[in-house]
Amino acid sequence: MASVDSTIVRVVNNIKKSDCDSWNYRGLELSNEMLVVLISHPNIDKAAAALDVSVGSLADPRDVPGTAHFLEHMLSMGSSKYPGENEYSKLGVGFAIFKRNCS
């Protein structure tokens, strides 16, 4: 079994934050070029995850328009474990799509 560390190519522990911020931050760059920020707090025993996919309709192939919009909907569709649309929201999980203004 491969070590998890084998996919980490860079670790950033000196992320700038406010002096009154009691959260802990750690940045990772993975071998697939994904950037990850780990955030924790010593008094919280819950976990969460977020994903920022920085592409949209301008990245669609010319011969397959609508791909980004289709994939946006696929993120909230059901799976074998959670078959209903947005069923994971029953677990207290949030989901949001943020549109970026590129003007």
PDB file of N, CA and C in Angstrom:
ATOM      1  N   MET A   1       0.852  -1.185   0.000  1.00  0.00           N
ATOM      2  CA  MET A   1       0.000   0.000   0.000  1.00  0.00           C
ATOM      3  C   MET A   1       0.887   1.233   0.000  1.00  0.00           C
ATOM      4  N   ALA A   2       0.586   2.196  -0.879  1.00  0.00           N
ATOM      5  CA  ALA A   2       1.383   3.408  -0.990  1.00  0.00           C
ATOM      6  C   ALA A   2       1.134   4.327   0.203  1.00  0.00           C
ATOM      7  N   SER A   3       2.158   5.034   0.591  1.00  0.00           N
ATOM      8  CA  SER A   3       2.042   5.983   1.676  1.00  0.00           C
ATOM      9  C   SER A   3       1.283   7.217   1.199  1.00  0.00           C
ATOM     10  N   VAL A   4       0.465   7.793   2.077  1.00  0.00           N
ATOM     11  CA  VAL A   4      -0.253   9.020   1.742  1.00  0.00           C
ATOM     12  C   VAL A   4       0.732  10.136   1.447  1.00  0.00           C
ATOM     13  N   ASP A   5       1.864  10.167   2.158  1.00  0.00           N
ATOM     14  CA  ASP A   5       2.860  11.210   1.962  1.00  0.00           C
ATOM     15  C   ASP A   5       3.458  11.189   0.556  1.00  0.00           C
ATOM     16  N   SER A   6       3.363  10.080  -0.160  1.00  0.00           N
ATOM     17  CA  SER A   6       3.965  10.001  -1.488  1.00  0.00           C
ATOM     18  C   SER A   6       3.274  10.929  -2.472  1.00  0.00           C
ATOM     19  N   THR A   7       2.046  11.375  -2.181  1.00  0.00           N
ATOM     20  CA  THR A   7       1.350  12.281  -3.081  1.00  0.00           C
ATOM     21  C   THR A   7       1.531  13.744  -2.706  1.00  0.00           C
ATOM     22  N   ILE A   8       2.139  14.026  -1.571  1.00  0.00           N
ATOM     23  CA  ILE A   8       2.360  15.400  -1.133  1.00  0.00           C
ATOM     24  C   ILE A   8       3.715  15.864  -1.644  1.00  0.00           C
ATOM     25  N   VAL A   9       3.712  16.939  -2.429  1.00  0.00           N
ATOM     26  CA  VAL A   9       4.971  17.448  -2.960  1.00  0.00           C
ATOM     27  C   VAL A   9       5.454  18.687  -2.223  1.00  0.00           C
ATOM     28  N   ARG A  10       4.541  19.350  -1.493  1.00  0.00           N
ATOM     29  CA  ARG A  10       4.943  20.540  -0.740  1.00  0.00           C
ATOM     30  C   ARG A  10       3.999  20.746   0.426  1.00  0.00           C
ATOM     31  N   VAL A  11       4.564  21.167   1.570  1.00  0.00           N
ATOM     32  CA  VAL A  11       3.781  21.466   2.770  1.00  0.00           C
ATOM     33  C   VAL A  11       4.035  22.918   3.145  1.00  0.00           C
ATOM     34  N   VAL A  12       2.960  23.656   3.444  1.00  0.00           N
ATOM     35  CA  VAL A  12       3.081  25.055   3.861  1.00  0.00           C
ATOM     36  C   VAL A  12       2.476  25.177   5.249  1.00  0.00           C
ATOM     37  N   ASN A  13       3.316  25.490   6.234  1.00  0.00           N
ATOM     38  CA  ASN A  13       2.850  25.632   7.607  1.00  0.00           C
ATOM     39  C   ASN A  13       2.779  27.082   8.069  1.00  0.00           C
ATOM     40  N   ASN A  14       3.317  28.005   7.290  1.00  0.00           N
ATOM     41  CA  ASN A  14       3.373  29.404   7.717  1.00  0.00           C
ATOM     42  C   ASN A  14       2.325  30.254   6.991  1.00  0.00           C
ATOM     43  N   ILE A  15       1.083  29.791   6.962  1.00  0.00           N
ATOM     44  CA  ILE A  15      -0.007  30.525   6.328  1.00  0.00           C
ATOM     45  C   ILE A  15      -0.325  31.748   7.183  1.00  0.00           C
ATOM     46  N   LYS A  16      -0.392  32.918   6.535  1.00  0.00           N
ATOM     47  CA  LYS A  16      -0.658  34.165   7.255  1.00  0.00           C
ATOM     48  C   LYS A  16      -2.095  34.188   7.738  1.00  0.00           C
ATOM     49  N   LYS A  17      -2.268  34.625   8.993  1.00  0.00           N
ATOM     50  CA  LYS A  17      -3.597  34.736   9.581  1.00  0.00           C
ATOM     51  C   LYS A  17      -3.580  35.819  10.632  1.00  0.00           C
ATOM     52  N   SER A  18      -4.742  36.220  11.073  1.00  0.00           N
ATOM     53  CA  SER A  18      -4.875  37.241  12.106  1.00  0.00           C
ATOM     54  C   SER A  18      -4.317  36.719  13.427  1.00  0.00           C
ATOM     55  N   ASP A  19      -3.787  37.610  14.236  1.00  0.00           N
ATOM     56  CA  ASP A  19      -3.267  37.228  15.555  1.00  0.00           C
ATOM     57  C   ASP A  19      -4.368  36.689  16.473  1.00  0.00           C
ATOM     58  N   CYS A  20      -5.622  37.098  16.235  1.00  0.00           N
ATOM     59  CA  CYS A  20      -6.714  36.632  17.099  1.00  0.00           C
ATOM     60  C   CYS A  20      -7.381  35.366  16.545  1.00  0.00           C
ATOM     61  N   ASP A  21      -6.841  34.804  15.473  1.00  0.00           N
ATOM     62  CA  ASP A  21      -7.392  33.584  14.865  1.00  0.00           C
ATOM     63  C   ASP A  21      -6.829  32.369  15.586  1.00  0.00           C
ATOM     64  N   SER A  22      -7.691  31.589  16.246  1.00  0.00           N
ATOM     65  CA  SER A  22      -7.224  30.422  17.010  1.00  0.00           C
ATOM     66  C   SER A  22      -7.250  29.127  16.194  1.00  0.00           C
ATOM     67  N   TRP A  23      -7.616  29.207  14.905  1.00  0.00           N
ATOM     68  CA  TRP A  23      -7.647  28.035  14.037  1.00  0.00           C
ATOM     69  C   TRP A  23      -6.238  27.696  13.572  1.00  0.00           C
ATOM     70  N   ASN A  24      -6.008  26.427  13.258  1.00  0.00           N
ATOM     71  CA  ASN A  24      -4.726  25.958  12.735  1.00  0.00           C
ATOM     72  C   ASN A  24      -4.866  25.706  11.236  1.00  0.00           C
ATOM     73  N   TYR A  25      -3.881  26.158  10.451  1.00  0.00           N
ATOM     74  CA  TYR A  25      -3.929  26.028   9.000  1.00  0.00           C
ATOM     75  C   TYR A  25      -2.670  25.324   8.501  1.00  0.00           C
ATOM     76  N   ARG A  26      -2.842  24.487   7.486  1.00  0.00           N
ATOM     77  CA  ARG A  26      -1.712  23.804   6.852  1.00  0.00           C
ATOM     78  C   ARG A  26      -2.040  23.665   5.368  1.00  0.00           C
ATOM     79  N   GLY A  27      -1.121  24.061   4.538  1.00  0.00           N
ATOM     80  CA  GLY A  27      -1.326  23.957   3.102  1.00  0.00           C
ATOM     81  C   GLY A  27      -0.557  22.783   2.529  1.00  0.00           C
ATOM     82  N   LEU A  28      -1.132  22.134   1.533  1.00  0.00           N
ATOM     83  CA  LEU A  28      -0.479  21.020   0.859  1.00  0.00           C
ATOM     84  C   LEU A  28      -0.599  21.218  -0.650  1.00  0.00           C
ATOM     85  N   GLU A  29       0.424  20.816  -1.358  1.00  0.00           N
ATOM     86  CA  GLU A  29       0.340  20.697  -2.808  1.00  0.00           C
ATOM     87  C   GLU A  29       0.545  19.227  -3.122  1.00  0.00           C
ATOM     88  N   LEU A  30      -0.396  18.646  -3.855  1.00  0.00           N
ATOM     89  CA  LEU A  30      -0.335  17.229  -4.184  1.00  0.00           C
ATOM     90  C   LEU A  30       0.323  17.026  -5.540  1.00  0.00           C
ATOM     91  N   SER A  31       0.761  15.816  -5.775  1.00  0.00           N
ATOM     92  CA  SER A  31       1.460  15.501  -7.022  1.00  0.00           C
ATOM     93  C   SER A  31       0.585  15.698  -8.258  1.00  0.00           C
ATOM     94  N   ASN A  32      -0.737  15.734  -8.095  1.00  0.00           N
ATOM     95  CA  ASN A  32      -1.637  15.993  -9.224  1.00  0.00           C
ATOM     96  C   ASN A  32      -1.919  17.491  -9.384  1.00  0.00           C
ATOM     97  N   GLU A  33      -1.138  18.342  -8.683  1.00  0.00           N
ATOM     98  CA  GLU A  33      -1.214  19.805  -8.717  1.00  0.00           C
ATOM     99  C   GLU A  33      -2.416  20.372  -7.966  1.00  0.00           C
ATOM    100  N   MET A  34      -3.122  19.543  -7.221  1.00  0.00           N
ATOM    101  CA  MET A  34      -4.228  20.038  -6.401  1.00  0.00           C
ATOM    102  C   MET A  34      -3.664  20.741  -5.174  1.00  0.00           C
ATOM    103  N   LEU A  35      -4.241  21.904  -4.860  1.00  0.00           N
ATOM    104  CA  LEU A  35      -3.854  22.643  -3.664  1.00  0.00           C
ATOM    105  C   LEU A  35      -4.886  22.381  -2.581  1.00  0.00           C
ATOM    106  N   VAL A  36      -4.413  22.061  -1.376  1.00  0.00           N
ATOM    107  CA  VAL A  36      -5.289  21.672  -0.276  1.00  0.00           C
ATOM    108  C   VAL A  36      -4.971  22.553   0.923  1.00  0.00           C
ATOM    109  N   VAL A  37      -6.003  23.018   1.602  1.00  0.00           N
ATOM    110  CA  VAL A  37      -5.819  23.743   2.853  1.00  0.00           C
ATOM    111  C   VAL A  37      -6.533  22.947   3.943  1.00  0.00           C
ATOM    112  N   LEU A  38      -5.792  22.539   4.949  1.00  0.00           N
ATOM    113  CA  LEU A  38      -6.344  21.827   6.096  1.00  0.00           C
ATOM    114  C   LEU A  38      -6.562  22.840   7.211  1.00  0.00           C
ATOM    115  N   ILE A  39      -7.763  22.853   7.776  1.00  0.00           N
ATOM    116  CA  ILE A  39      -8.100  23.805   8.828  1.00  0.00           C
ATOM    117  C   ILE A  39      -8.647  23.026  10.011  1.00  0.00           C
ATOM    118  N   SER A  40      -8.105  23.276  11.177  1.00  0.00           N
ATOM    119  CA  SER A  40      -8.589  22.575  12.375  1.00  0.00           C
ATOM    120  C   SER A  40      -8.622  23.534  13.557  1.00  0.00           C
ATOM    121  N   HIS A  41      -9.352  23.120  14.562  1.00  0.00           N
ATOM    122  CA  HIS A  41      -9.453  23.898  15.792  1.00  0.00           C
ATOM    123  C   HIS A  41      -9.343  22.919  16.950  1.00  0.00           C
ATOM    124  N   PRO A  42      -8.573  23.248  17.956  1.00  0.00           N
ATOM    125  CA  PRO A  42      -8.355  22.296  19.056  1.00  0.00           C
ATOM    126  C   PRO A  42      -9.605  21.958  19.854  1.00  0.00           C
ATOM    127  N   ASN A  43     -10.656  22.774  19.788  1.00  0.00           N
ATOM    128  CA  ASN A  43     -11.861  22.536  20.584  1.00  0.00           C
ATOM    129  C   ASN A  43     -13.037  21.998  19.782  1.00  0.00           C
ATOM    130  N   ILE A  44     -12.831  21.640  18.528  1.00  0.00           N
ATOM    131  CA  ILE A  44     -13.930  21.160  17.684  1.00  0.00           C
ATOM    132  C   ILE A  44     -13.644  19.734  17.235  1.00  0.00           C
ATOM    133  N   ASP A  45     -14.639  18.849  17.419  1.00  0.00           N
ATOM    134  CA  ASP A  45     -14.448  17.436  17.083  1.00  0.00           C
ATOM    135  C   ASP A  45     -15.204  17.029  15.813  1.00  0.00           C
ATOM    136  N   LYS A  46     -15.603  17.986  14.994  1.00  0.00           N
ATOM    137  CA  LYS A  46     -16.299  17.720  13.735  1.00  0.00           C
ATOM    138  C   LYS A  46     -15.325  17.922  12.569  1.00  0.00           C
ATOM    139  N   ALA A  47     -15.686  17.378  11.427  1.00  0.00           N
ATOM    140  CA  ALA A  47     -14.853  17.533  10.239  1.00  0.00           C
ATOM    141  C   ALA A  47     -15.722  18.004   9.079  1.00  0.00           C
ATOM    142  N   ALA A  48     -15.091  18.642   8.121  1.00  0.00           N
ATOM    143  CA  ALA A  48     -15.789  19.105   6.923  1.00  0.00           C
ATOM    144  C   ALA A  48     -14.794  19.114   5.770  1.00  0.00           C
ATOM    145  N   ALA A  49     -15.328  19.195   4.579  1.00  0.00           N
ATOM    146  CA  ALA A  49     -14.477  19.277   3.395  1.00  0.00           C
ATOM    147  C   ALA A  49     -15.106  20.249   2.410  1.00  0.00           C
ATOM    148  N   ALA A  50     -14.275  20.905   1.637  1.00  0.00           N
ATOM    149  CA  ALA A  50     -14.750  21.820   0.604  1.00  0.00           C
ATOM    150  C   ALA A  50     -13.934  21.570  -0.655  1.00  0.00           C
ATOM    151  N   LEU A  51     -14.525  21.860  -1.783  1.00  0.00           N
ATOM    152  CA  LEU A  51     -13.862  21.658  -3.066  1.00  0.00           C
ATOM    153  C   LEU A  51     -14.107  22.875  -3.933  1.00  0.00           C
ATOM    154  N   ASP A  52     -13.051  23.454  -4.459  1.00  0.00           N
ATOM    155  CA  ASP A  52     -13.159  24.584  -5.373  1.00  0.00           C
ATOM    156  C   ASP A  52     -12.683  24.122  -6.738  1.00  0.00           C
ATOM    157  N   VAL A  53     -13.594  24.042  -7.676  1.00  0.00           N
ATOM    158  CA  VAL A  53     -13.258  23.653  -9.040  1.00  0.00           C
ATOM    159  C   VAL A  53     -13.239  24.939  -9.847  1.00  0.00           C
ATOM    160  N   SER A  54     -12.057  25.416 -10.166  1.00  0.00           N
ATOM    161  CA  SER A  54     -11.903  26.732 -10.784  1.00  0.00           C
ATOM    162  C   SER A  54     -11.989  26.678 -12.304  1.00  0.00           C
ATOM    163  N   VAL A  55     -13.033  26.079 -12.808  1.00  0.00           N
ATOM    164  CA  VAL A  55     -13.299  26.074 -14.250  1.00  0.00           C
ATOM    165  C   VAL A  55     -14.789  26.288 -14.450  1.00  0.00           C
ATOM    166  N   GLY A  56     -15.151  26.651 -15.639  1.00  0.00           N
ATOM    167  CA  GLY A  56     -16.559  26.866 -15.943  1.00  0.00           C
ATOM    168  C   GLY A  56     -16.806  26.714 -17.419  1.00  0.00           C
ATOM    169  N   SER A  57     -17.848  27.354 -17.897  1.00  0.00           N
ATOM    170  CA  SER A  57     -18.273  27.161 -19.282  1.00  0.00           C
ATOM    171  C   SER A  57     -17.216  27.590 -20.294  1.00  0.00           C
ATOM    172  N   LEU A  58     -16.335  28.510 -19.932  1.00  0.00           N
ATOM    173  CA  LEU A  58     -15.286  28.920 -20.867  1.00  0.00           C
ATOM    174  C   LEU A  58     -14.267  27.806 -21.107  1.00  0.00           C
ATOM    175  N   ALA A  59     -14.261  26.793 -20.242  1.00  0.00           N
ATOM    176  CA  ALA A  59     -13.347  25.660 -20.404  1.00  0.00           C
ATOM    177  C   ALA A  59     -14.002  24.496 -21.142  1.00  0.00           C
ATOM    178  N   ASP A  60     -15.282  24.632 -21.494  1.00  0.00           N
ATOM    179  CA  ASP A  60     -15.981  23.569 -22.239  1.00  0.00           C
ATOM    180  C   ASP A  60     -15.326  23.356 -23.604  1.00  0.00           C
ATOM    181  N   PRO A  61     -15.209  22.104 -24.031  1.00  0.00           N
ATOM    182  CA  PRO A  61     -14.762  21.860 -25.412  1.00  0.00           C
ATOM    183  C   PRO A  61     -15.797  22.443 -26.376  1.00  0.00           C
ATOM    184  N   ARG A  62     -15.343  22.981 -27.496  1.00  0.00           N
ATOM    185  CA  ARG A  62     -16.268  23.601 -28.466  1.00  0.00           C
ATOM    186  C   ARG A  62     -17.313  22.614 -28.963  1.00  0.00           C
ATOM    187  N   ASP A  63     -16.920  21.347 -29.093  1.00  0.00           N
ATOM    188  CA  ASP A  63     -17.860  20.358 -29.629  1.00  0.00           C
ATOM    189  C   ASP A  63     -18.762  19.752 -28.564  1.00  0.00           C
ATOM    190  N   VAL A  64     -18.574  20.121 -27.283  1.00  0.00           N
ATOM    191  CA  VAL A  64     -19.419  19.601 -26.200  1.00  0.00           C
ATOM    192  C   VAL A  64     -19.791  20.753 -25.259  1.00  0.00           C
ATOM    193  N   PRO A  65     -20.572  21.727 -25.742  1.00  0.00           N
ATOM    194  CA  PRO A  65     -20.960  22.832 -24.863  1.00  0.00           C
ATOM    195  C   PRO A  65     -21.867  22.330 -23.742  1.00  0.00           C
ATOM    196  N   GLY A  66     -21.772  22.987 -22.597  1.00  0.00           N
ATOM    197  CA  GLY A  66     -22.609  22.607 -21.457  1.00  0.00           C
ATOM    198  C   GLY A  66     -21.969  21.597 -20.522  1.00  0.00           C
ATOM    199  N   THR A  67     -20.722  21.196 -20.798  1.00  0.00           N
ATOM    200  CA  THR A  67     -20.057  20.189 -19.968  1.00  0.00           C
ATOM    201  C   THR A  67     -19.904  20.656 -18.520  1.00  0.00           C
ATOM    202  N   ALA A  68     -19.460  21.898 -18.317  1.00  0.00           N
ATOM    203  CA  ALA A  68     -19.263  22.406 -16.953  1.00  0.00           C
ATOM    204  C   ALA A  68     -20.579  22.427 -16.195  1.00  0.00           C
ATOM    205  N   HIS A  69     -21.648  22.860 -16.855  1.00  0.00           N
ATOM    206  CA  HIS A  69     -22.952  22.914 -16.201  1.00  0.00           C
ATOM    207  C   HIS A  69     -23.436  21.503 -15.853  1.00  0.00           C
ATOM    208  N   PHE A  70     -23.218  20.567 -16.754  1.00  0.00           N
ATOM    209  CA  PHE A  70     -23.588  19.171 -16.500  1.00  0.00           C
ATOM    210  C   PHE A  70     -22.835  18.631 -15.273  1.00  0.00           C
ATOM    211  N   LEU A  71     -21.524  18.875 -15.219  1.00  0.00           N
ATOM    212  CA  LEU A  71     -20.726  18.378 -14.098  1.00  0.00           C
ATOM    213  C   LEU A  71     -21.113  19.055 -12.788  1.00  0.00           C
ATOM    214  N   GLU A  72     -21.521  20.310 -12.851  1.00  0.00           N
ATOM    215  CA  GLU A  72     -22.015  21.010 -11.663  1.00  0.00           C
ATOM    216  C   GLU A  72     -23.207  20.260 -11.074  1.00  0.00           C
ATOM    217  N   HIS A  73     -24.121  19.808 -11.935  1.00  0.00           N
ATOM    218  CA  HIS A  73     -25.279  19.053 -11.465  1.00  0.00           C
ATOM    219  C   HIS A  73     -24.876  17.659 -10.975  1.00  0.00           C
ATOM    220  N   MET A  74     -23.869  17.076 -11.558  1.00  0.00           N
ATOM    221  CA  MET A  74     -23.424  15.748 -11.136  1.00  0.00           C
ATOM    222  C   MET A  74     -22.886  15.765  -9.706  1.00  0.00           C
ATOM    223  N   LEU A  75     -22.346  16.902  -9.275  1.00  0.00           N
ATOM    224  CA  LEU A  75     -21.833  17.005  -7.905  1.00  0.00           C
ATOM    225  C   LEU A  75     -22.937  16.847  -6.866  1.00  0.00           C
ATOM    226  N   SER A  76     -24.169  17.203  -7.234  1.00  0.00           N
ATOM    227  CA  SER A  76     -25.253  17.127  -6.246  1.00  0.00           C
ATOM    228  C   SER A  76     -26.213  15.966  -6.500  1.00  0.00           C
ATOM    229  N   MET A  77     -25.941  15.150  -7.490  1.00  0.00           N
ATOM    230  CA  MET A  77     -26.817  14.005  -7.773  1.00  0.00           C
ATOM    231  C   MET A  77     -26.548  12.875  -6.777  1.00  0.00           C
ATOM    232  N   GLY A  78     -27.408  11.914  -6.769  1.00  0.00           N
ATOM    233  CA  GLY A  78     -27.274  10.805  -5.834  1.00  0.00           C
ATOM    234  C   GLY A  78     -26.145   9.857  -6.201  1.00  0.00           C
ATOM    235  N   SER A  79     -25.830   8.986  -5.270  1.00  0.00           N
ATOM    236  CA  SER A  79     -24.821   7.951  -5.473  1.00  0.00           C
ATOM    237  C   SER A  79     -25.396   6.647  -4.924  1.00  0.00           C
ATOM    238  N   SER A  80     -24.646   5.567  -5.009  1.00  0.00           N
ATOM    239  CA  SER A  80     -25.161   4.304  -4.481  1.00  0.00           C
ATOM    240  C   SER A  80     -25.340   4.368  -2.960  1.00  0.00           C
ATOM    241  N   LYS A  81     -24.482   5.124  -2.278  1.00  0.00           N
ATOM    242  CA  LYS A  81     -24.599   5.241  -0.824  1.00  0.00           C
ATOM    243  C   LYS A  81     -25.709   6.211  -0.428  1.00  0.00           C
ATOM    244  N   TYR A  82     -25.863   7.299  -1.187  1.00  0.00           N
ATOM    245  CA  TYR A  82     -26.887   8.311  -0.944  1.00  0.00           C
ATOM    246  C   TYR A  82     -27.678   8.505  -2.232  1.00  0.00           C
ATOM    247  N   PRO A  83     -28.669   7.651  -2.505  1.00  0.00           N
ATOM    248  CA  PRO A  83     -29.320   7.617  -3.819  1.00  0.00           C
ATOM    249  C   PRO A  83     -30.191   8.829  -4.156  1.00  0.00           C
ATOM    250  N   GLY A  84     -30.676   9.560  -3.193  1.00  0.00           N
ATOM    251  CA  GLY A  84     -31.535  10.708  -3.494  1.00  0.00           C
ATOM    252  C   GLY A  84     -30.719  11.946  -3.829  1.00  0.00           C
ATOM    253  N   GLU A  85     -31.286  12.809  -4.680  1.00  0.00           N
ATOM    254  CA  GLU A  85     -30.613  14.057  -5.019  1.00  0.00           C
ATOM    255  C   GLU A  85     -30.448  14.899  -3.761  1.00  0.00           C
ATOM    256  N   ASN A  86     -29.253  15.416  -3.535  1.00  0.00           N
ATOM    257  CA  ASN A  86     -28.921  16.241  -2.361  1.00  0.00           C
ATOM    258  C   ASN A  86     -29.162  15.521  -1.032  1.00  0.00           C
ATOM    259  N   GLU A  87     -29.152  14.186  -1.048  1.00  0.00           N
ATOM    260  CA  GLU A  87     -29.430  13.421   0.170  1.00  0.00           C
ATOM    261  C   GLU A  87     -28.376  13.641   1.254  1.00  0.00           C
ATOM    262  N   TYR A  88     -27.161  13.951   0.833  1.00  0.00           N
ATOM    263  CA  TYR A  88     -26.104  14.200   1.816  1.00  0.00           C
ATOM    264  C   TYR A  88     -26.424  15.404   2.687  1.00  0.00           C
ATOM    265  N   SER A  89     -27.325  16.295   2.235  1.00  0.00           N
ATOM    266  CA  SER A  89     -27.676  17.469   3.037  1.00  0.00           C
ATOM    267  C   SER A  89     -28.380  17.070   4.337  1.00  0.00           C
ATOM    268  N   LYS A  90     -28.965  15.870   4.380  1.00  0.00           N
ATOM    269  CA  LYS A  90     -29.582  15.382   5.620  1.00  0.00           C
ATOM    270  C   LYS A  90     -28.541  15.166   6.705  1.00  0.00           C
ATOM    271  N   LEU A  91     -27.290  15.035   6.291  1.00  0.00           N
ATOM    272  CA  LEU A  91     -26.204  14.849   7.252  1.00  0.00           C
ATOM    273  C   LEU A  91     -25.688  16.175   7.791  1.00  0.00           C
ATOM    274  N   GLY A  92     -26.303  17.269   7.364  1.00  0.00           N
ATOM    275  CA  GLY A  92     -25.839  18.584   7.785  1.00  0.00           C
ATOM    276  C   GLY A  92     -24.742  19.113   6.888  1.00  0.00           C
ATOM    277  N   VAL A  93     -24.626  18.561   5.696  1.00  0.00           N
ATOM    278  CA  VAL A  93     -23.587  18.974   4.760  1.00  0.00           C
ATOM    279  C   VAL A  93     -24.145  20.061   3.862  1.00  0.00           C
ATOM    280  N   GLY A  94     -23.386  21.112   3.670  1.00  0.00           N
ATOM    281  CA  GLY A  94     -23.802  22.189   2.783  1.00  0.00           C
ATOM    282  C   GLY A  94     -23.179  22.051   1.413  1.00  0.00           C
ATOM    283  N   PHE A  95     -23.802  22.672   0.430  1.00  0.00           N
ATOM    284  CA  PHE A  95     -23.303  22.622  -0.939  1.00  0.00           C
ATOM    285  C   PHE A  95     -23.638  23.947  -1.590  1.00  0.00           C
ATOM    286  N   ALA A  96     -22.677  24.564  -2.210  1.00  0.00           N
ATOM    287  CA  ALA A  96     -22.933  25.846  -2.874  1.00  0.00           C
ATOM    288  C   ALA A  96     -22.110  25.950  -4.130  1.00  0.00           C
ATOM    289  N   ILE A  97     -22.678  26.588  -5.118  1.00  0.00           N
ATOM    290  CA  ILE A  97     -21.962  26.901  -6.353  1.00  0.00           C
ATOM    291  C   ILE A  97     -21.735  28.406  -6.349  1.00  0.00           C
ATOM    292  N   PHE A  98     -20.491  28.822  -6.458  1.00  0.00           N
ATOM    293  CA  PHE A  98     -20.166  30.231  -6.500  1.00  0.00           C
ATOM    294  C   PHE A  98     -19.770  30.593  -7.923  1.00  0.00           C
ATOM    295  N   LYS A  99     -20.438  31.551  -8.490  1.00  0.00           N
ATOM    296  CA  LYS A  99     -20.105  32.031  -9.826  1.00  0.00           C
ATOM    297  C   LYS A  99     -19.047  33.129  -9.667  1.00  0.00           C
ATOM    298  N   ARG A 100     -18.024  33.055 -10.493  1.00  0.00           N
ATOM    299  CA  ARG A 100     -16.960  34.058 -10.445  1.00  0.00           C
ATOM    300  C   ARG A 100     -17.173  35.088 -11.539  1.00  0.00           C
ATOM    301  N   ASN A 101     -17.014  36.341 -11.180  1.00  0.00           N
ATOM    302  CA  ASN A 101     -17.119  37.411 -12.159  1.00  0.00           C
ATOM    303  C   ASN A 101     -15.735  37.636 -12.750  1.00  0.00           C
ATOM    304  N   CYS A 102     -15.591  37.347 -14.022  1.00  0.00           N
ATOM    305  CA  CYS A 102     -14.282  37.438 -14.673  1.00  0.00           C
ATOM    306  C   CYS A 102     -14.139  38.694 -15.520  1.00  0.00           C
ATOM    307  N   SER A 103     -14.907  39.736 -15.213  1.00  0.00           N
ATOM    308  CA  SER A 103     -14.832  40.963 -16.019  1.00  0.00           C
ATOM    309  C   SER A 103     -13.666  41.821 -15.620  1.00  0.00           C
TER     310      SER A 103
END
